[in-house]
PDB file of N, CA and C in Angstrom:
ATOM      1  N   UNK A   1      89.625  21.784-117.058  1.00  0.00           N
ATOM      2  CA  UNK A   1      90.045  23.171-117.097  1.00  0.00           C
ATOM      3  C   UNK A   1      90.488  23.494-118.522  1.00  0.00           C
ATOM      4  N   UNK A   2      89.767  24.341-119.173  1.00  0.00           N
ATOM      5  CA  UNK A   2      90.066  24.717-120.547  1.00  0.00           C
ATOM      6  C   UNK A   2      90.698  26.109-120.537  1.00  0.00           C
ATOM      7  N   UNK A   3      91.969  26.171-120.824  1.00  0.00           N
ATOM      8  CA  UNK A   3      92.669  27.457-120.852  1.00  0.00           C
ATOM      9  C   UNK A   3      92.813  27.925-122.283  1.00  0.00           C
ATOM     10  N   UNK A   4      93.043  29.196-122.443  1.00  0.00           N
ATOM     11  CA  UNK A   4      93.126  29.779-123.768  1.00  0.00           C
ATOM     12  C   UNK A   4      94.484  29.639-124.421  1.00  0.00           C
ATOM     13  N   UNK A   5      94.529  30.100-125.648  1.00  0.00           N
ATOM     14  CA  UNK A   5      95.742  30.050-126.459  1.00  0.00           C
ATOM     15  C   UNK A   5      96.855  30.894-125.837  1.00  0.00           C
ATOM     16  N   UNK A   6      96.519  32.074-125.333  1.00  0.00           N
ATOM     17  CA  UNK A   6      97.535  32.974-124.779  1.00  0.00           C
ATOM     18  C   UNK A   6      98.148  32.416-123.504  1.00  0.00           C
ATOM     19  N   UNK A   7      97.364  31.674-122.729  1.00  0.00           N
ATOM     20  CA  UNK A   7      97.919  31.018-121.547  1.00  0.00           C
ATOM     21  C   UNK A   7      98.948  29.977-121.971  1.00  0.00           C
ATOM     22  N   UNK A   8      98.653  29.235-123.033  1.00  0.00           N
ATOM     23  CA  UNK A   8      99.587  28.232-123.539  1.00  0.00           C
ATOM     24  C   UNK A   8     100.878  28.878-124.041  1.00  0.00           C
ATOM     25  N   UNK A   9     100.761  29.981-124.764  1.00  0.00           N
ATOM     26  CA  UNK A   9     101.944  30.694-125.246  1.00  0.00           C
ATOM     27  C   UNK A   9     102.772  31.207-124.069  1.00  0.00           C
ATOM     28  N   UNK A  10     102.094  31.765-123.065  1.00  0.00           N
ATOM     29  CA  UNK A  10     102.784  32.233-121.853  1.00  0.00           C
ATOM     30  C   UNK A  10     103.484  31.072-121.156  1.00  0.00           C
ATOM     31  N   UNK A  11     102.815  29.934-121.055  1.00  0.00           N
ATOM     32  CA  UNK A  11     103.395  28.752-120.435  1.00  0.00           C
ATOM     33  C   UNK A  11     104.641  28.287-121.182  1.00  0.00           C
ATOM     34  N   UNK A  12     104.600  28.313-122.506  1.00  0.00           N
ATOM     35  CA  UNK A  12     105.769  27.935-123.299  1.00  0.00           C
ATOM     36  C   UNK A  12     106.932  28.899-123.093  1.00  0.00           C
ATOM     37  N   UNK A  13     106.643  30.198-123.050  1.00  0.00           N
ATOM     38  CA  UNK A  13     107.712  31.182-122.839  1.00  0.00           C
ATOM     39  C   UNK A  13     108.357  31.033-121.468  1.00  0.00           C
ATOM     40  N   UNK A  14     107.542  30.850-120.448  1.00  0.00           N
ATOM     41  CA  UNK A  14     108.083  30.692-119.093  1.00  0.00           C
ATOM     42  C   UNK A  14     108.902  29.404-118.991  1.00  0.00           C
ATOM     43  N   UNK A  15     108.397  28.327-119.563  1.00  0.00           N
ATOM     44  CA  UNK A  15     109.141  27.068-119.510  1.00  0.00           C
ATOM     45  C   UNK A  15     110.450  27.154-120.300  1.00  0.00           C
ATOM     46  N   UNK A  16     110.450  27.893-121.407  1.00  0.00           N
ATOM     47  CA  UNK A  16     111.685  28.078-122.172  1.00  0.00           C
ATOM     48  C   UNK A  16     112.697  28.902-121.383  1.00  0.00           C
ATOM     49  N   UNK A  17     112.230  29.932-120.685  1.00  0.00           N
ATOM     50  CA  UNK A  17     113.137  30.739-119.855  1.00  0.00           C
ATOM     51  C   UNK A  17     113.737  29.914-118.720  1.00  0.00           C
ATOM     52  N   UNK A  18     112.901  29.147-118.051  1.00  0.00           N
ATOM     53  CA  UNK A  18     113.394  28.321-116.951  1.00  0.00           C
ATOM     54  C   UNK A  18     114.344  27.250-117.472  1.00  0.00           C
ATOM     55  N   UNK A  19     113.995  26.622-118.587  1.00  0.00           N
ATOM     56  CA  UNK A  19     114.869  25.606-119.173  1.00  0.00           C
ATOM     57  C   UNK A  19     116.200  26.174-119.618  1.00  0.00           C
ATOM     58  N   UNK A  20     116.188  27.361-120.200  1.00  0.00           N
ATOM     59  CA  UNK A  20     117.444  28.008-120.603  1.00  0.00           C
ATOM     60  C   UNK A  20     118.319  28.316-119.400  1.00  0.00           C
ATOM     61  N   UNK A  21     117.699  28.789-118.329  1.00  0.00           N
ATOM     62  CA  UNK A  21     118.455  29.088-117.111  1.00  0.00           C
ATOM     63  C   UNK A  21     119.064  27.809-116.535  1.00  0.00           C
ATOM     64  N   UNK A  22     118.293  26.734-116.509  1.00  0.00           N
ATOM     65  CA  UNK A  22     118.812  25.461-116.000  1.00  0.00           C
ATOM     66  C   UNK A  22     119.954  24.963-116.879  1.00  0.00           C
ATOM     67  N   UNK A  23     119.815  25.071-118.187  1.00  0.00           N
ATOM     68  CA  UNK A  23     120.885  24.663-119.088  1.00  0.00           C
ATOM     69  C   UNK A  23     122.159  25.468-118.896  1.00  0.00           C
ATOM     70  N   UNK A  24     122.012  26.776-118.698  1.00  0.00           N
ATOM     71  CA  UNK A  24     123.192  27.617-118.458  1.00  0.00           C
ATOM     72  C   UNK A  24     123.854  27.268-117.127  1.00  0.00           C
ATOM     73  N   UNK A  25     123.055  27.016-116.110  1.00  0.00           N
ATOM     74  CA  UNK A  25     123.610  26.646-114.798  1.00  0.00           C
ATOM     75  C   UNK A  25     124.347  25.319-114.895  1.00  0.00           C
ATOM     76  N   UNK A  26     123.766  24.343-115.592  1.00  0.00           N
ATOM     77  CA  UNK A  26     124.430  23.049-115.752  1.00  0.00           C
ATOM     78  C   UNK A  26     125.731  23.203-116.521  1.00  0.00           C
ATOM     79  N   UNK A  27     125.744  24.027-117.570  1.00  0.00           N
ATOM     80  CA  UNK A  27     126.980  24.199-118.343  1.00  0.00           C
ATOM     81  C   UNK A  27     128.070  24.869-117.523  1.00  0.00           C
ATOM     82  N   UNK A  28     127.682  25.752-116.603  1.00  0.00           N
ATOM     83  CA  UNK A  28     128.675  26.370-115.715  1.00  0.00           C
ATOM     84  C   UNK A  28     129.191  25.354-114.703  1.00  0.00           C
ATOM     85  N   UNK A  29     128.300  24.517-114.179  1.00  0.00           N
ATOM     86  CA  UNK A  29     128.699  23.551-113.163  1.00  0.00           C
ATOM     87  C   UNK A  29     129.582  22.436-113.712  1.00  0.00           C
ATOM     88  N   UNK A  30     129.356  21.998-114.953  1.00  0.00           N
ATOM     89  CA  UNK A  30     130.175  20.905-115.492  1.00  0.00           C
ATOM     90  C   UNK A  30     131.548  21.390-115.932  1.00  0.00           C
ATOM     91  N   UNK A  31     131.693  22.669-116.219  1.00  0.00           N
ATOM     92  CA  UNK A  31     132.989  23.221-116.607  1.00  0.00           C
ATOM     93  C   UNK A  31     133.293  23.012-118.081  1.00  0.00           C
ATOM     94  N   UNK A  32     134.223  23.810-118.595  1.00  0.00           N
ATOM     95  CA  UNK A  32     134.552  23.773-120.020  1.00  0.00           C
ATOM     96  C   UNK A  32     135.342  22.541-120.413  1.00  0.00           C
ATOM     97  N   UNK A  33     135.981  21.877-119.466  1.00  0.00           N
ATOM     98  CA  UNK A  33     136.775  20.701-119.798  1.00  0.00           C
ATOM     99  C   UNK A  33     135.910  19.456-119.953  1.00  0.00           C
ATOM    100  N   UNK A  34     134.685  19.493-119.502  1.00  0.00           N
ATOM    101  CA  UNK A  34     133.805  18.337-119.551  1.00  0.00           C
ATOM    102  C   UNK A  34     133.293  18.093-120.970  1.00  0.00           C
ATOM    103  N   UNK A  35     132.984  16.836-121.243  1.00  0.00           N
ATOM    104  CA  UNK A  35     132.436  16.477-122.552  1.00  0.00           C
ATOM    105  C   UNK A  35     131.005  16.987-122.704  1.00  0.00           C
ATOM    106  N   UNK A  36     130.314  17.226-121.589  1.00  0.00           N
ATOM    107  CA  UNK A  36     128.931  17.680-121.625  1.00  0.00           C
ATOM    108  C   UNK A  36     128.798  19.193-121.784  1.00  0.00           C
ATOM    109  N   UNK A  37     129.900  19.940-121.686  1.00  0.00           N
ATOM    110  CA  UNK A  37     129.831  21.399-121.743  1.00  0.00           C
ATOM    111  C   UNK A  37     129.210  21.878-123.051  1.00  0.00           C
ATOM    112  N   UNK A  38     129.705  21.394-124.160  1.00  0.00           N
ATOM    113  CA  UNK A  38     129.181  21.838-125.450  1.00  0.00           C
ATOM    114  C   UNK A  38     127.749  21.360-125.649  1.00  0.00           C
ATOM    115  N   UNK A  39     127.418  20.200-125.100  1.00  0.00           N
ATOM    116  CA  UNK A  39     126.068  19.661-125.205  1.00  0.00           C
ATOM    117  C   UNK A  39     125.052  20.587-124.537  1.00  0.00           C
ATOM    118  N   UNK A  40     125.398  21.131-123.366  1.00  0.00           N
ATOM    119  CA  UNK A  40     124.476  21.997-122.639  1.00  0.00           C
ATOM    120  C   UNK A  40     124.603  23.471-123.001  1.00  0.00           C
ATOM    121  N   UNK A  41     125.747  23.883-123.520  1.00  0.00           N
ATOM    122  CA  UNK A  41     125.942  25.309-123.777  1.00  0.00           C
ATOM    123  C   UNK A  41     125.582  25.735-125.200  1.00  0.00           C
ATOM    124  N   UNK A  42     125.446  24.803-126.124  1.00  0.00           N
ATOM    125  CA  UNK A  42     125.088  25.144-127.497  1.00  0.00           C
ATOM    126  C   UNK A  42     123.638  25.597-127.553  1.00  0.00           C
ATOM    127  N   UNK A  43     123.401  26.732-128.210  1.00  0.00           N
ATOM    128  CA  UNK A  43     122.046  27.285-128.267  1.00  0.00           C
ATOM    129  C   UNK A  43     121.758  27.830-129.660  1.00  0.00           C
ATOM    130  N   UNK A  44     120.500  27.718-130.042  1.00  0.00           N
ATOM    131  CA  UNK A  44     120.027  28.376-131.261  1.00  0.00           C
ATOM    132  C   UNK A  44     119.550  29.761-130.844  1.00  0.00           C
ATOM    133  N   UNK A  45     119.824  30.768-131.648  1.00  0.00           N
ATOM    134  CA  UNK A  45     119.493  32.141-131.269  1.00  0.00           C
ATOM    135  C   UNK A  45     118.718  32.844-132.381  1.00  0.00           C
ATOM    136  N   UNK A  46     117.409  32.536-132.490  1.00  0.00           N
ATOM    137  CA  UNK A  46     116.617  33.296-133.460  1.00  0.00           C
ATOM    138  C   UNK A  46     116.459  34.737-132.988  1.00  0.00           C
ATOM    139  N   UNK A  47     116.492  35.665-133.920  1.00  0.00           N
ATOM    140  CA  UNK A  47     116.406  37.072-133.510  1.00  0.00           C
ATOM    141  C   UNK A  47     115.617  37.890-134.524  1.00  0.00           C
ATOM    142  N   UNK A  48     115.138  39.003-134.059  1.00  0.00           N
ATOM    143  CA  UNK A  48     114.452  39.983-134.887  1.00  0.00           C
ATOM    144  C   UNK A  48     115.007  41.348-134.529  1.00  0.00           C
ATOM    145  N   UNK A  49     115.480  42.051-135.496  1.00  0.00           N
ATOM    146  CA  UNK A  49     115.891  43.407-135.207  1.00  0.00           C
ATOM    147  C   UNK A  49     117.340  43.652-135.509  1.00  0.00           C
ATOM    148  N   UNK A  50     117.783  44.786-135.214  1.00  0.00           N
ATOM    149  CA  UNK A  50     116.998  45.885-134.648  1.00  0.00           C
ATOM    150  C   UNK A  50     116.181  46.613-135.723  1.00  0.00           C
ATOM    151  N   UNK A  51     114.963  46.910-135.369  1.00  0.00           N
ATOM    152  CA  UNK A  51     114.102  47.721-136.225  1.00  0.00           C
ATOM    153  C   UNK A  51     114.101  49.133-135.657  1.00  0.00           C
ATOM    154  N   UNK A  52     114.432  50.095-136.462  1.00  0.00           N
ATOM    155  CA  UNK A  52     114.586  51.457-135.977  1.00  0.00           C
ATOM    156  C   UNK A  52     113.512  52.358-136.575  1.00  0.00           C
ATOM    157  N   UNK A  53     112.878  53.127-135.700  1.00  0.00           N
ATOM    158  CA  UNK A  53     111.857  54.083-136.112  1.00  0.00           C
ATOM    159  C   UNK A  53     112.316  55.481-135.748  1.00  0.00           C
ATOM    160  N   UNK A  54     112.499  56.318-136.753  1.00  0.00           N
ATOM    161  CA  UNK A  54     112.929  57.694-136.524  1.00  0.00           C
ATOM    162  C   UNK A  54     111.694  58.594-136.569  1.00  0.00           C
ATOM    163  N   UNK A  55     111.339  59.158-135.410  1.00  0.00           N
ATOM    164  CA  UNK A  55     110.127  59.961-135.290  1.00  0.00           C
ATOM    165  C   UNK A  55     110.442  61.447-135.111  1.00  0.00           C
ATOM    166  N   UNK A  56     111.442  61.940-135.787  1.00  0.00           N
ATOM    167  CA  UNK A  56     111.904  63.326-135.777  1.00  0.00           C
ATOM    168  C   UNK A  56     112.428  63.730-134.392  1.00  0.00           C
ATOM    169  N   UNK A  57     111.580  63.734-133.373  1.00  0.00           N
ATOM    170  CA  UNK A  57     112.006  64.133-132.029  1.00  0.00           C
ATOM    171  C   UNK A  57     112.729  63.022-131.277  1.00  0.00           C
ATOM    172  N   UNK A  58     112.417  61.803-131.604  1.00  0.00           N
ATOM    173  CA  UNK A  58     113.021  60.676-130.896  1.00  0.00           C
ATOM    174  C   UNK A  58     113.234  59.518-131.863  1.00  0.00           C
ATOM    175  N   UNK A  59     114.086  58.650-131.494  1.00  0.00           N
ATOM    176  CA  UNK A  59     114.367  57.459-132.297  1.00  0.00           C
ATOM    177  C   UNK A  59     114.132  56.240-131.408  1.00  0.00           C
ATOM    178  N   UNK A  60     113.322  55.314-131.885  1.00  0.00           N
ATOM    179  CA  UNK A  60     112.985  54.119-131.129  1.00  0.00           C
ATOM    180  C   UNK A  60     113.575  52.912-131.847  1.00  0.00           C
ATOM    181  N   UNK A  61     114.227  52.037-131.090  1.00  0.00           N
ATOM    182  CA  UNK A  61     114.818  50.824-131.643  1.00  0.00           C
ATOM    183  C   UNK A  61     114.227  49.615-130.935  1.00  0.00           C
ATOM    184  N   UNK A  62     113.706  48.672-131.718  1.00  0.00           N
ATOM    185  CA  UNK A  62     113.145  47.443-131.198  1.00  0.00           C
ATOM    186  C   UNK A  62     113.979  46.264-131.673  1.00  0.00           C
ATOM    187  N   UNK A  63     114.071  45.258-130.842  1.00  0.00           N
ATOM    188  CA  UNK A  63     114.739  44.028-131.228  1.00  0.00           C
ATOM    189  C   UNK A  63     114.529  42.969-130.170  1.00  0.00           C
ATOM    190  N   UNK A  64     114.613  41.730-130.582  1.00  0.00           N
ATOM    191  CA  UNK A  64     114.474  40.624-129.638  1.00  0.00           C
ATOM    192  C   UNK A  64     115.376  39.486-130.098  1.00  0.00           C
ATOM    193  N   UNK A  65     115.988  38.816-129.122  1.00  0.00           N
ATOM    194  CA  UNK A  65     116.836  37.672-129.406  1.00  0.00           C
ATOM    195  C   UNK A  65     116.569  36.638-128.321  1.00  0.00           C
ATOM    196  N   UNK A  66     116.326  35.417-128.739  1.00  0.00           N
ATOM    197  CA  UNK A  66     116.012  34.350-127.802  1.00  0.00           C
ATOM    198  C   UNK A  66     117.072  33.257-127.945  1.00  0.00           C
ATOM    199  N   UNK A  67     117.703  32.902-126.838  1.00  0.00           N
ATOM    200  CA  UNK A  67     118.662  31.798-126.835  1.00  0.00           C
ATOM    201  C   UNK A  67     117.955  30.544-126.347  1.00  0.00           C
ATOM    202  N   UNK A  68     117.823  29.572-127.210  1.00  0.00           N
ATOM    203  CA  UNK A  68     117.163  28.321-126.857  1.00  0.00           C
ATOM    204  C   UNK A  68     118.184  27.198-126.865  1.00  0.00           C
ATOM    205  N   UNK A  69     118.416  26.605-125.692  1.00  0.00           N
ATOM    206  CA  UNK A  69     119.315  25.460-125.627  1.00  0.00           C
ATOM    207  C   UNK A  69     118.496  24.189-125.451  1.00  0.00           C
ATOM    208  N   UNK A  70     119.169  23.074-125.255  1.00  0.00           N
ATOM    209  CA  UNK A  70     118.492  21.789-125.156  1.00  0.00           C
ATOM    210  C   UNK A  70     117.527  21.749-123.979  1.00  0.00           C
ATOM    211  N   UNK A  71     117.905  22.305-122.855  1.00  0.00           N
ATOM    212  CA  UNK A  71     117.041  22.267-121.672  1.00  0.00           C
ATOM    213  C   UNK A  71     115.796  23.132-121.870  1.00  0.00           C
ATOM    214  N   UNK A  72     115.893  24.191-122.656  1.00  0.00           N
ATOM    215  CA  UNK A  72     114.711  24.997-122.965  1.00  0.00           C
ATOM    216  C   UNK A  72     113.728  24.173-123.783  1.00  0.00           C
ATOM    217  N   UNK A  73     114.238  23.404-124.723  1.00  0.00           N
ATOM    218  CA  UNK A  73     113.384  22.532-125.523  1.00  0.00           C
ATOM    219  C   UNK A  73     112.727  21.466-124.652  1.00  0.00           C
ATOM    220  N   UNK A  74     113.485  20.881-123.735  1.00  0.00           N
ATOM    221  CA  UNK A  74     112.922  19.890-122.815  1.00  0.00           C
ATOM    222  C   UNK A  74     111.841  20.527-121.951  1.00  0.00           C
ATOM    223  N   UNK A  75     112.085  21.724-121.456  1.00  0.00           N
ATOM    224  CA  UNK A  75     111.088  22.425-120.650  1.00  0.00           C
ATOM    225  C   UNK A  75     109.817  22.712-121.428  1.00  0.00           C
ATOM    226  N   UNK A  76     109.946  23.092-122.684  1.00  0.00           N
ATOM    227  CA  UNK A  76     108.773  23.369-123.506  1.00  0.00           C
ATOM    228  C   UNK A  76     107.975  22.093-123.790  1.00  0.00           C
ATOM    229  N   UNK A  77     108.665  20.982-123.981  1.00  0.00           N
ATOM    230  CA  UNK A  77     107.984  19.712-124.206  1.00  0.00           C
ATOM    231  C   UNK A  77     107.235  19.275-122.956  1.00  0.00           C
ATOM    232  N   UNK A  78     107.874  19.398-121.794  1.00  0.00           N
ATOM    233  CA  UNK A  78     107.217  19.036-120.535  1.00  0.00           C
ATOM    234  C   UNK A  78     106.007  19.935-120.284  1.00  0.00           C
ATOM    235  N   UNK A  79     106.138  21.225-120.552  1.00  0.00           N
ATOM    236  CA  UNK A  79     105.016  22.151-120.356  1.00  0.00           C
ATOM    237  C   UNK A  79     103.863  21.815-121.299  1.00  0.00           C
ATOM    238  N   UNK A  80     104.167  21.438-122.532  1.00  0.00           N
ATOM    239  CA  UNK A  80     103.117  21.064-123.481  1.00  0.00           C
ATOM    240  C   UNK A  80     102.396  19.803-123.027  1.00  0.00           C
ATOM    241  N   UNK A  81     103.144  18.811-122.560  1.00  0.00           N
ATOM    242  CA  UNK A  81     102.526  17.581-122.067  1.00  0.00           C
ATOM    243  C   UNK A  81     101.641  17.866-120.865  1.00  0.00           C
ATOM    244  N   UNK A  82     102.123  18.685-119.927  1.00  0.00           N
ATOM    245  CA  UNK A  82     101.307  19.040-118.747  1.00  0.00           C
ATOM    246  C   UNK A  82     100.067  19.806-119.149  1.00  0.00           C
ATOM    247  N   UNK A  83     100.176  20.713-120.089  1.00  0.00           N
ATOM    248  CA  UNK A  83      99.033  21.492-120.556  1.00  0.00           C
ATOM    249  C   UNK A  83      97.979  20.594-121.207  1.00  0.00           C
ATOM    250  N   UNK A  84      98.430  19.667-122.043  1.00  0.00           N
ATOM    251  CA  UNK A  84      97.492  18.787-122.734  1.00  0.00           C
ATOM    252  C   UNK A  84      96.823  17.806-121.776  1.00  0.00           C
ATOM    253  N   UNK A  85      97.523  17.371-120.760  1.00  0.00           N
ATOM    254  CA  UNK A  85      96.927  16.468-119.773  1.00  0.00           C
ATOM    255  C   UNK A  85      95.919  17.205-118.891  1.00  0.00           C
ATOM    256  N   UNK A  86      96.171  18.478-118.611  1.00  0.00           N
ATOM    257  CA  UNK A  86      95.276  19.244-117.733  1.00  0.00           C
ATOM    258  C   UNK A  86      93.990  19.659-118.447  1.00  0.00           C
ATOM    259  N   UNK A  87      94.050  19.775-119.763  1.00  0.00           N
ATOM    260  CA  UNK A  87      92.845  20.235-120.468  1.00  0.00           C
ATOM    261  C   UNK A  87      92.043  19.101-121.059  1.00  0.00           C
TER     262      UNK A  87
END
């Protein structure tokens, strides 16, 4: 099964979202007093924006921010391995 580039990008985004959610859930479950809290709750947050476009009648603002924690990275690695094995 040969999938395209956009399917791979979509797979990476979905796996990063699921991994981030799992990391946030784990950080909530272990609590702030645990030694693992900072390990699971620390995230890199690359962002773009806000970019503002003033079109006289309306003003449009675009921006994106992605929080990537350790579990998001693990999810992306697992998704890449599964993708490469399937193709």
